[in-house]
N, C-alpha and C. Protein backbone atom coordinates (compact mmCIF):
# COMPACT_ATOMS: atom_id res chain seq x y z
N MET A 1 23.08 -60.90 27.41
CA MET A 1 24.35 -61.43 26.93
C MET A 1 24.76 -62.62 27.79
N PHE A 2 25.45 -63.54 27.17
CA PHE A 2 25.88 -64.77 27.83
C PHE A 2 27.38 -64.70 28.06
N ARG A 3 27.80 -64.88 29.31
CA ARG A 3 29.22 -64.89 29.64
C ARG A 3 29.61 -66.32 30.01
N ILE A 4 30.64 -66.83 29.35
CA ILE A 4 31.11 -68.19 29.58
C ILE A 4 31.95 -68.19 30.86
N SER A 5 31.52 -68.98 31.85
CA SER A 5 32.26 -69.09 33.10
C SER A 5 31.84 -70.36 33.82
N LYS A 6 32.50 -70.64 34.93
CA LYS A 6 32.14 -71.84 35.70
C LYS A 6 30.73 -71.72 36.25
N ASP A 7 30.23 -70.51 36.39
CA ASP A 7 28.89 -70.29 36.90
C ASP A 7 27.83 -70.21 35.81
N SER A 8 28.27 -70.08 34.56
CA SER A 8 27.33 -70.02 33.43
C SER A 8 27.16 -71.41 32.84
N PRO A 9 25.95 -71.79 32.63
CA PRO A 9 25.70 -73.14 32.11
C PRO A 9 25.85 -73.24 30.59
N ALA A 10 27.10 -73.32 30.12
CA ALA A 10 27.37 -73.62 28.71
C ALA A 10 27.70 -75.11 28.65
N TYR A 11 27.08 -75.80 27.69
CA TYR A 11 27.25 -77.25 27.61
C TYR A 11 27.52 -77.71 26.19
N TYR A 12 28.34 -78.74 26.12
CA TYR A 12 28.61 -79.46 24.89
C TYR A 12 27.78 -80.73 24.96
N LEU A 13 26.84 -80.89 24.02
CA LEU A 13 25.93 -82.04 24.02
C LEU A 13 26.18 -82.91 22.79
N THR A 14 26.15 -84.21 22.98
CA THR A 14 26.28 -85.16 21.88
C THR A 14 25.09 -86.10 21.92
N SER A 15 24.47 -86.27 20.77
CA SER A 15 23.37 -87.23 20.61
C SER A 15 23.76 -88.20 19.51
N VAL A 16 23.67 -89.50 19.83
CA VAL A 16 24.10 -90.55 18.90
C VAL A 16 22.88 -91.36 18.47
N ALA A 17 22.77 -91.60 17.17
CA ALA A 17 21.66 -92.38 16.63
C ALA A 17 21.70 -93.81 17.17
N HIS A 18 20.52 -94.37 17.35
CA HIS A 18 20.38 -95.74 17.84
C HIS A 18 21.25 -96.69 17.01
N ASN A 19 22.08 -97.45 17.71
CA ASN A 19 23.00 -98.41 17.07
C ASN A 19 23.91 -97.77 16.03
N ARG A 20 24.14 -96.47 16.18
CA ARG A 20 25.00 -95.72 15.24
C ARG A 20 24.50 -95.84 13.79
N LEU A 21 23.20 -95.96 13.64
CA LEU A 21 22.62 -96.04 12.29
C LEU A 21 22.86 -94.73 11.55
N PRO A 22 23.16 -94.79 10.26
CA PRO A 22 23.41 -93.57 9.48
C PRO A 22 22.10 -92.86 9.11
N VAL A 23 21.40 -92.41 10.12
CA VAL A 23 20.07 -91.83 9.95
C VAL A 23 20.11 -90.54 9.11
N PHE A 24 21.13 -89.73 9.32
CA PHE A 24 21.19 -88.40 8.70
C PHE A 24 22.03 -88.41 7.43
N ARG A 25 21.79 -89.39 6.58
CA ARG A 25 22.63 -89.56 5.39
C ARG A 25 22.19 -88.69 4.23
N THR A 26 20.96 -88.17 4.24
CA THR A 26 20.51 -87.34 3.13
C THR A 26 20.39 -85.88 3.57
N ASP A 27 20.49 -84.99 2.60
CA ASP A 27 20.33 -83.56 2.90
C ASP A 27 18.94 -83.27 3.46
N ALA A 28 17.93 -83.97 2.99
CA ALA A 28 16.57 -83.74 3.48
C ALA A 28 16.48 -84.05 4.97
N LEU A 29 17.09 -85.14 5.40
CA LEU A 29 17.07 -85.50 6.82
C LEU A 29 17.92 -84.55 7.66
N LYS A 30 19.01 -84.08 7.10
CA LYS A 30 19.84 -83.09 7.82
C LYS A 30 19.08 -81.77 7.94
N GLN A 31 18.36 -81.39 6.90
CA GLN A 31 17.57 -80.15 6.95
C GLN A 31 16.46 -80.26 8.01
N ILE A 32 15.79 -81.39 8.05
CA ILE A 32 14.77 -81.62 9.07
C ILE A 32 15.39 -81.53 10.46
N THR A 33 16.57 -82.09 10.62
CA THR A 33 17.26 -82.05 11.91
C THR A 33 17.59 -80.62 12.32
N CYS A 34 18.09 -79.83 11.39
CA CYS A 34 18.40 -78.43 11.69
C CYS A 34 17.14 -77.66 12.09
N ALA A 35 16.06 -77.88 11.36
CA ALA A 35 14.79 -77.22 11.69
C ALA A 35 14.29 -77.67 13.06
N ALA A 36 14.48 -78.93 13.39
CA ALA A 36 14.05 -79.46 14.69
C ALA A 36 14.89 -78.87 15.83
N ILE A 37 16.19 -78.72 15.61
CA ILE A 37 17.04 -78.09 16.63
C ILE A 37 16.58 -76.66 16.86
N ASP A 38 16.26 -75.95 15.78
CA ASP A 38 15.79 -74.58 15.91
C ASP A 38 14.45 -74.53 16.65
N GLU A 39 13.57 -75.46 16.35
CA GLU A 39 12.29 -75.55 17.05
C GLU A 39 12.51 -75.83 18.54
N ALA A 40 13.44 -76.72 18.85
CA ALA A 40 13.76 -77.03 20.25
C ALA A 40 14.31 -75.80 20.96
N ARG A 41 15.18 -75.07 20.27
CA ARG A 41 15.76 -73.85 20.85
C ARG A 41 14.66 -72.86 21.23
N LYS A 42 13.72 -72.67 20.32
CA LYS A 42 12.63 -71.72 20.59
C LYS A 42 11.71 -72.23 21.69
N SER A 43 11.40 -73.51 21.69
CA SER A 43 10.51 -74.10 22.70
C SER A 43 11.11 -74.06 24.10
N ALA A 44 12.40 -74.40 24.20
CA ALA A 44 13.04 -74.48 25.51
C ALA A 44 13.71 -73.18 25.93
N GLY A 45 13.92 -72.28 24.98
CA GLY A 45 14.52 -70.99 25.30
C GLY A 45 16.01 -71.04 25.58
N PHE A 46 16.73 -71.95 24.93
CA PHE A 46 18.18 -71.99 25.12
C PHE A 46 18.88 -71.28 23.98
N LEU A 47 20.14 -70.94 24.21
CA LEU A 47 20.97 -70.34 23.17
C LEU A 47 21.76 -71.46 22.49
N LEU A 48 21.87 -71.38 21.18
CA LEU A 48 22.66 -72.34 20.41
C LEU A 48 23.90 -71.63 19.90
N PHE A 49 25.07 -72.12 20.30
CA PHE A 49 26.32 -71.45 19.94
C PHE A 49 27.06 -72.14 18.79
N ALA A 50 26.93 -73.45 18.69
CA ALA A 50 27.60 -74.19 17.61
C ALA A 50 26.90 -75.53 17.43
N TYR A 51 27.04 -76.09 16.22
CA TYR A 51 26.42 -77.39 15.97
C TYR A 51 27.08 -78.04 14.76
N VAL A 52 26.88 -79.35 14.66
CA VAL A 52 27.19 -80.10 13.46
C VAL A 52 26.26 -81.31 13.43
N VAL A 53 25.74 -81.61 12.25
CA VAL A 53 24.93 -82.81 12.04
C VAL A 53 25.76 -83.76 11.19
N MET A 54 26.16 -84.87 11.79
CA MET A 54 26.93 -85.88 11.08
C MET A 54 25.98 -86.98 10.62
N ILE A 55 26.51 -88.03 10.02
CA ILE A 55 25.66 -89.08 9.45
C ILE A 55 24.94 -89.90 10.53
N ASP A 56 25.58 -90.05 11.71
CA ASP A 56 24.98 -90.89 12.75
C ASP A 56 24.94 -90.23 14.13
N HIS A 57 25.26 -88.95 14.20
CA HIS A 57 25.21 -88.23 15.48
C HIS A 57 25.19 -86.73 15.23
N LEU A 58 24.94 -86.01 16.31
CA LEU A 58 25.04 -84.56 16.22
C LEU A 58 25.65 -84.02 17.50
N HIS A 59 26.31 -82.87 17.35
CA HIS A 59 26.89 -82.15 18.47
C HIS A 59 26.26 -80.77 18.49
N THR A 60 25.98 -80.29 19.70
CA THR A 60 25.53 -78.92 19.88
C THR A 60 26.27 -78.33 21.07
N ILE A 61 26.46 -77.03 21.02
CA ILE A 61 26.98 -76.29 22.17
C ILE A 61 25.92 -75.26 22.50
N VAL A 62 25.43 -75.32 23.73
CA VAL A 62 24.28 -74.52 24.12
C VAL A 62 24.55 -73.76 25.41
N GLY A 63 23.75 -72.75 25.63
CA GLY A 63 23.74 -72.02 26.88
C GLY A 63 22.31 -71.98 27.37
N SER A 64 22.11 -72.34 28.64
CA SER A 64 20.75 -72.39 29.16
C SER A 64 20.76 -72.46 30.67
N GLU A 65 19.70 -71.93 31.26
CA GLU A 65 19.49 -72.09 32.70
C GLU A 65 18.91 -73.48 33.00
N LEU A 66 18.39 -74.14 31.97
CA LEU A 66 17.86 -75.49 32.13
C LEU A 66 19.00 -76.48 32.35
N LYS A 67 18.70 -77.59 32.97
CA LYS A 67 19.69 -78.65 33.09
C LYS A 67 20.03 -79.14 31.69
N PRO A 68 21.27 -79.57 31.47
CA PRO A 68 21.64 -80.05 30.13
C PRO A 68 20.78 -81.23 29.68
N SER A 69 20.38 -82.08 30.60
CA SER A 69 19.54 -83.22 30.23
C SER A 69 18.19 -82.74 29.69
N LYS A 70 17.68 -81.64 30.22
CA LYS A 70 16.40 -81.09 29.76
C LYS A 70 16.56 -80.49 28.36
N VAL A 71 17.66 -79.77 28.12
CA VAL A 71 17.93 -79.22 26.79
C VAL A 71 18.04 -80.35 25.78
N GLN A 72 18.79 -81.38 26.15
CA GLN A 72 18.97 -82.52 25.26
C GLN A 72 17.65 -83.25 25.03
N GLN A 73 16.80 -83.27 26.03
CA GLN A 73 15.47 -83.88 25.88
C GLN A 73 14.65 -83.12 24.83
N PHE A 74 14.72 -81.80 24.85
CA PHE A 74 14.04 -81.00 23.83
C PHE A 74 14.61 -81.29 22.45
N ILE A 75 15.93 -81.23 22.32
CA ILE A 75 16.56 -81.45 21.02
C ILE A 75 16.24 -82.85 20.50
N ASN A 76 16.50 -83.87 21.33
CA ASN A 76 16.30 -85.24 20.89
C ASN A 76 14.83 -85.56 20.65
N GLY A 77 13.96 -85.06 21.50
CA GLY A 77 12.54 -85.36 21.36
C GLY A 77 11.95 -84.78 20.08
N ILE A 78 12.22 -83.52 19.83
CA ILE A 78 11.66 -82.88 18.63
C ILE A 78 12.31 -83.45 17.38
N THR A 79 13.62 -83.65 17.42
CA THR A 79 14.31 -84.23 16.26
C THR A 79 13.77 -85.62 15.96
N SER A 80 13.66 -86.44 16.97
CA SER A 80 13.15 -87.79 16.79
C SER A 80 11.75 -87.78 16.19
N HIS A 81 10.89 -86.96 16.75
CA HIS A 81 9.51 -86.88 16.26
C HIS A 81 9.48 -86.48 14.78
N ARG A 82 10.24 -85.46 14.42
CA ARG A 82 10.24 -84.97 13.03
C ARG A 82 10.84 -86.00 12.06
N ILE A 83 11.91 -86.65 12.45
CA ILE A 83 12.56 -87.64 11.58
C ILE A 83 11.65 -88.85 11.38
N ILE A 84 11.07 -89.37 12.45
CA ILE A 84 10.19 -90.53 12.34
C ILE A 84 8.94 -90.18 11.54
N GLN A 85 8.42 -88.99 11.75
CA GLN A 85 7.28 -88.51 10.95
C GLN A 85 7.63 -88.53 9.46
N TYR A 86 8.81 -88.02 9.13
CA TYR A 86 9.27 -87.97 7.74
C TYR A 86 9.43 -89.39 7.17
N LEU A 87 10.06 -90.26 7.91
CA LEU A 87 10.27 -91.63 7.43
C LEU A 87 8.93 -92.33 7.17
N LYS A 88 7.96 -92.10 8.04
CA LYS A 88 6.63 -92.69 7.83
C LYS A 88 5.97 -92.10 6.59
N ALA A 89 6.01 -90.79 6.45
CA ALA A 89 5.36 -90.11 5.32
C ALA A 89 5.98 -90.52 3.99
N GLN A 90 7.28 -90.78 4.00
CA GLN A 90 7.99 -91.15 2.77
C GLN A 90 7.98 -92.66 2.52
N GLY A 91 7.39 -93.42 3.42
CA GLY A 91 7.30 -94.87 3.25
C GLY A 91 8.62 -95.60 3.42
N HIS A 92 9.50 -95.09 4.26
CA HIS A 92 10.81 -95.72 4.49
C HIS A 92 10.69 -96.81 5.57
N GLN A 93 9.98 -97.89 5.23
CA GLN A 93 9.72 -98.95 6.19
C GLN A 93 10.98 -99.65 6.68
N ARG A 94 11.94 -99.86 5.81
CA ARG A 94 13.18 -100.53 6.23
C ARG A 94 13.92 -99.71 7.27
N SER A 95 13.96 -98.40 7.07
CA SER A 95 14.61 -97.52 8.05
C SER A 95 13.85 -97.54 9.37
N LEU A 96 12.53 -97.48 9.30
CA LEU A 96 11.72 -97.52 10.52
C LEU A 96 11.92 -98.83 11.28
N GLU A 97 12.03 -99.93 10.55
CA GLU A 97 12.23 -101.23 11.22
C GLU A 97 13.54 -101.25 12.00
N LYS A 98 14.55 -100.57 11.49
CA LYS A 98 15.84 -100.51 12.20
C LYS A 98 15.74 -99.71 13.49
N LEU A 99 14.76 -98.82 13.57
CA LEU A 99 14.56 -97.99 14.76
C LEU A 99 13.49 -98.56 15.69
N ARG A 100 12.88 -99.66 15.29
CA ARG A 100 11.77 -100.25 16.06
C ARG A 100 12.28 -100.93 17.32
N HIS A 101 11.47 -100.88 18.35
CA HIS A 101 11.73 -101.60 19.59
C HIS A 101 10.40 -102.09 20.14
N ALA A 102 10.43 -102.81 21.21
CA ALA A 102 9.20 -103.31 21.82
C ALA A 102 8.30 -102.13 22.18
N ASP A 103 7.01 -102.27 21.93
CA ASP A 103 6.05 -101.20 22.22
C ASP A 103 6.08 -100.88 23.71
N ARG A 104 6.33 -99.61 24.02
CA ARG A 104 6.41 -99.17 25.41
C ARG A 104 5.17 -98.40 25.83
N GLY A 105 4.08 -98.61 25.12
CA GLY A 105 2.84 -97.91 25.45
C GLY A 105 2.77 -96.55 24.76
N ARG A 106 1.62 -95.94 24.82
CA ARG A 106 1.37 -94.62 24.23
C ARG A 106 1.85 -94.53 22.78
N ASN A 107 1.78 -95.64 22.05
CA ASN A 107 2.13 -95.65 20.63
C ASN A 107 3.60 -95.28 20.37
N TYR A 108 4.45 -95.59 21.34
CA TYR A 108 5.88 -95.30 21.25
C TYR A 108 6.59 -96.54 20.76
N ARG A 109 6.90 -96.59 19.46
CA ARG A 109 7.44 -97.81 18.86
C ARG A 109 8.86 -97.69 18.33
N TYR A 110 9.34 -96.45 18.19
CA TYR A 110 10.63 -96.23 17.55
C TYR A 110 11.55 -95.40 18.45
N SER A 111 12.82 -95.67 18.36
CA SER A 111 13.83 -94.88 19.06
C SER A 111 14.87 -94.42 18.05
N LEU A 112 14.97 -93.12 17.90
CA LEU A 112 15.98 -92.57 17.01
C LEU A 112 17.34 -92.52 17.72
N TRP A 113 17.32 -92.27 19.02
CA TRP A 113 18.56 -92.01 19.76
C TRP A 113 18.91 -93.13 20.72
N ASP A 114 20.22 -93.33 20.89
CA ASP A 114 20.69 -94.13 22.02
C ASP A 114 20.38 -93.31 23.26
N HIS A 115 19.99 -93.95 24.31
CA HIS A 115 19.59 -93.22 25.50
C HIS A 115 20.72 -93.16 26.52
N HIS A 116 21.85 -92.66 26.06
CA HIS A 116 23.01 -92.44 26.91
C HIS A 116 23.41 -90.98 26.74
N PRO A 117 22.74 -90.08 27.47
CA PRO A 117 23.03 -88.66 27.27
C PRO A 117 24.49 -88.33 27.54
N ASN A 118 25.01 -87.46 26.72
CA ASN A 118 26.39 -87.06 26.85
C ASN A 118 26.44 -85.53 26.90
N ALA A 119 26.67 -84.99 28.07
CA ALA A 119 26.74 -83.54 28.26
C ALA A 119 27.99 -83.20 29.06
N LYS A 120 28.72 -82.19 28.59
CA LYS A 120 29.91 -81.74 29.30
C LYS A 120 29.79 -80.24 29.55
N HIS A 121 30.04 -79.84 30.78
CA HIS A 121 30.02 -78.44 31.15
C HIS A 121 31.29 -77.77 30.60
N LEU A 122 31.14 -76.60 30.05
CA LEU A 122 32.27 -75.84 29.50
C LEU A 122 32.46 -74.61 30.38
N PRO A 123 33.35 -74.68 31.37
CA PRO A 123 33.44 -73.64 32.39
C PRO A 123 34.25 -72.40 32.04
N ASN A 124 34.95 -72.43 30.89
CA ASN A 124 35.75 -71.25 30.54
C ASN A 124 35.83 -71.12 29.02
N GLU A 125 36.29 -69.97 28.57
CA GLU A 125 36.35 -69.70 27.14
C GLU A 125 37.28 -70.64 26.41
N GLN A 126 38.38 -71.02 27.03
CA GLN A 126 39.33 -71.93 26.38
C GLN A 126 38.68 -73.27 26.07
N MET A 127 38.02 -73.87 27.05
CA MET A 127 37.34 -75.16 26.82
C MET A 127 36.19 -75.00 25.83
N PHE A 128 35.48 -73.89 25.95
CA PHE A 128 34.38 -73.60 25.04
C PHE A 128 34.89 -73.57 23.59
N LEU A 129 35.95 -72.82 23.36
CA LEU A 129 36.49 -72.70 21.99
C LEU A 129 37.11 -74.01 21.50
N GLN A 130 37.69 -74.81 22.39
CA GLN A 130 38.21 -76.12 22.00
C GLN A 130 37.07 -76.99 21.47
N LYS A 131 35.92 -76.96 22.16
CA LYS A 131 34.78 -77.78 21.72
C LYS A 131 34.17 -77.23 20.45
N VAL A 132 34.12 -75.91 20.29
CA VAL A 132 33.62 -75.33 19.03
C VAL A 132 34.49 -75.82 17.88
N ASN A 133 35.80 -75.78 18.06
CA ASN A 133 36.72 -76.25 17.03
C ASN A 133 36.51 -77.74 16.76
N TYR A 134 36.37 -78.53 17.82
CA TYR A 134 36.13 -79.97 17.67
C TYR A 134 34.86 -80.22 16.85
N VAL A 135 33.79 -79.52 17.20
CA VAL A 135 32.51 -79.66 16.49
C VAL A 135 32.70 -79.34 15.01
N HIS A 136 33.35 -78.24 14.71
CA HIS A 136 33.50 -77.81 13.31
C HIS A 136 34.47 -78.68 12.52
N GLN A 137 35.43 -79.28 13.18
CA GLN A 137 36.40 -80.14 12.49
C GLN A 137 35.89 -81.57 12.32
N ASN A 138 34.78 -81.92 12.93
CA ASN A 138 34.24 -83.28 12.84
C ASN A 138 34.07 -83.75 11.39
N PRO A 139 33.46 -82.98 10.50
CA PRO A 139 33.32 -83.43 9.11
C PRO A 139 34.66 -83.57 8.38
N VAL A 140 35.64 -82.76 8.77
CA VAL A 140 36.98 -82.85 8.17
C VAL A 140 37.63 -84.16 8.61
N ARG A 141 37.57 -84.44 9.91
CA ARG A 141 38.15 -85.69 10.43
C ARG A 141 37.48 -86.92 9.82
N ALA A 142 36.18 -86.80 9.52
CA ALA A 142 35.44 -87.92 8.93
C ALA A 142 35.68 -88.04 7.43
N GLY A 143 36.43 -87.12 6.85
CA GLY A 143 36.74 -87.18 5.42
C GLY A 143 35.60 -86.71 4.52
N LEU A 144 34.63 -85.98 5.08
CA LEU A 144 33.49 -85.51 4.27
C LEU A 144 33.83 -84.25 3.49
N VAL A 145 34.74 -83.44 4.02
CA VAL A 145 35.18 -82.20 3.37
C VAL A 145 36.64 -81.96 3.70
N ASP A 146 37.27 -81.08 2.93
CA ASP A 146 38.66 -80.71 3.22
C ASP A 146 38.75 -79.57 4.21
N LYS A 147 37.75 -78.66 4.15
CA LYS A 147 37.74 -77.50 5.04
C LYS A 147 36.39 -77.46 5.77
N ALA A 148 36.43 -77.14 7.05
CA ALA A 148 35.21 -77.13 7.88
C ALA A 148 34.11 -76.28 7.27
N GLU A 149 34.46 -75.14 6.72
CA GLU A 149 33.44 -74.23 6.18
C GLU A 149 32.75 -74.78 4.93
N ASP A 150 33.29 -75.84 4.34
CA ASP A 150 32.66 -76.45 3.16
C ASP A 150 31.54 -77.43 3.53
N TYR A 151 31.43 -77.76 4.80
CA TYR A 151 30.38 -78.69 5.24
C TYR A 151 29.12 -77.88 5.55
N ARG A 152 28.08 -78.11 4.81
CA ARG A 152 26.86 -77.31 4.91
C ARG A 152 26.18 -77.42 6.27
N TRP A 153 26.27 -78.55 6.93
CA TRP A 153 25.45 -78.86 8.11
C TRP A 153 26.17 -78.57 9.42
N SER A 154 26.82 -77.44 9.49
CA SER A 154 27.49 -77.01 10.72
C SER A 154 27.49 -75.49 10.79
N SER A 155 27.91 -74.99 11.95
CA SER A 155 27.96 -73.54 12.16
C SER A 155 29.33 -72.95 11.83
N ALA A 156 30.19 -73.71 11.19
CA ALA A 156 31.56 -73.25 10.92
C ALA A 156 31.59 -71.94 10.12
N ARG A 157 30.76 -71.81 9.10
CA ARG A 157 30.77 -70.58 8.28
C ARG A 157 30.37 -69.36 9.11
N ILE A 158 29.42 -69.56 10.00
CA ILE A 158 28.96 -68.45 10.84
C ILE A 158 30.10 -68.01 11.76
N TRP A 159 30.81 -68.96 12.33
CA TRP A 159 31.94 -68.63 13.20
C TRP A 159 33.07 -67.95 12.41
N MET A 160 33.19 -68.28 11.13
CA MET A 160 34.23 -67.67 10.30
C MET A 160 33.75 -66.33 9.70
N ARG A 161 32.54 -65.96 10.06
CA ARG A 161 31.93 -64.70 9.59
C ARG A 161 31.73 -64.66 8.09
N CYS A 162 31.42 -65.85 7.52
CA CYS A 162 31.12 -65.92 6.09
C CYS A 162 29.92 -66.85 5.85
N PRO A 163 28.78 -66.52 6.49
CA PRO A 163 27.60 -67.38 6.29
C PRO A 163 27.06 -67.26 4.87
N VAL A 164 26.36 -68.29 4.45
CA VAL A 164 25.68 -68.24 3.16
C VAL A 164 24.25 -67.76 3.40
N ASP A 165 23.61 -67.31 2.33
CA ASP A 165 22.25 -66.76 2.46
C ASP A 165 21.24 -67.77 2.99
N ASP A 166 21.44 -69.03 2.66
CA ASP A 166 20.47 -70.05 3.06
C ASP A 166 21.04 -71.01 4.11
N GLU A 167 21.69 -70.43 5.13
CA GLU A 167 22.22 -71.26 6.21
C GLU A 167 21.09 -72.15 6.74
N PRO A 168 21.37 -73.44 6.95
CA PRO A 168 20.32 -74.33 7.45
C PRO A 168 19.91 -74.03 8.89
N LEU A 169 20.82 -73.42 9.67
CA LEU A 169 20.53 -73.13 11.08
C LEU A 169 21.46 -72.02 11.54
N LEU A 170 20.88 -70.97 12.08
CA LEU A 170 21.68 -69.86 12.60
C LEU A 170 22.01 -70.11 14.07
N VAL A 171 23.11 -69.53 14.53
CA VAL A 171 23.50 -69.69 15.92
C VAL A 171 23.54 -68.32 16.60
N ASP A 172 23.61 -68.34 17.93
CA ASP A 172 23.50 -67.13 18.74
C ASP A 172 24.87 -66.58 19.12
N LEU A 173 25.75 -66.47 18.15
CA LEU A 173 27.11 -65.98 18.37
C LEU A 173 27.12 -64.57 18.94
N ASP A 174 26.19 -63.74 18.50
CA ASP A 174 26.13 -62.35 18.95
C ASP A 174 25.67 -62.21 20.39
N GLN A 175 25.28 -63.30 21.03
CA GLN A 175 24.83 -63.28 22.42
C GLN A 175 25.95 -63.57 23.42
N ILE A 176 27.15 -63.87 22.91
CA ILE A 176 28.27 -64.19 23.80
C ILE A 176 29.01 -62.90 24.17
N GLN A 177 29.22 -62.71 25.46
CA GLN A 177 30.03 -61.60 25.94
C GLN A 177 31.40 -62.16 26.29
N TRP A 178 32.37 -61.89 25.43
CA TRP A 178 33.70 -62.46 25.59
C TRP A 178 34.48 -61.68 26.65
N ARG A 179 35.24 -62.39 27.44
CA ARG A 179 36.15 -61.75 28.40
C ARG A 179 37.43 -61.35 27.70
N SER A 180 37.90 -62.25 26.84
CA SER A 180 39.12 -61.95 26.08
C SER A 180 38.71 -61.45 24.71
N LYS A 181 39.59 -60.74 24.07
CA LYS A 181 39.26 -60.19 22.74
C LYS A 181 39.30 -61.28 21.71
N ARG A 182 38.39 -61.22 20.77
CA ARG A 182 38.30 -62.20 19.68
C ARG A 182 38.72 -61.53 18.42
């Protein structure tokens, strides 16, 4: 069980697409992103507590003994690889050109993410829940939906205890040991 405290490494992570490009504009790309986050979770062994995939960025709240930069490296690396793979396979040359940069060796030609990691430690349940709410309200603030639970690409339904059968990504809510009653 995971207990949220100043000694427990719970983190709020934000990853922003290169030049704020609307990379995740289609459901197919959002689904690939959710699958990549799940793959990263399994590979790195971190807990995923909340998430949202927006059109040009994503937020995750994680728990891990790893440094937040390492967790974000797993998430961003796998997501980037899967998205670029998809764009190549689908022949989306214009999108790939927007992600292109000078060749840095080892056949590394594209950057999906801005390389300014954003991680915040969440030392208590109050801050943790504030960030969960922020993550879930992001699509509402952006005008994509009226209610957080109507946005398919977030963990809001799971937190409201009304998940759908085909949730794009499950979270580890049952792994949190709350100090206060929920």
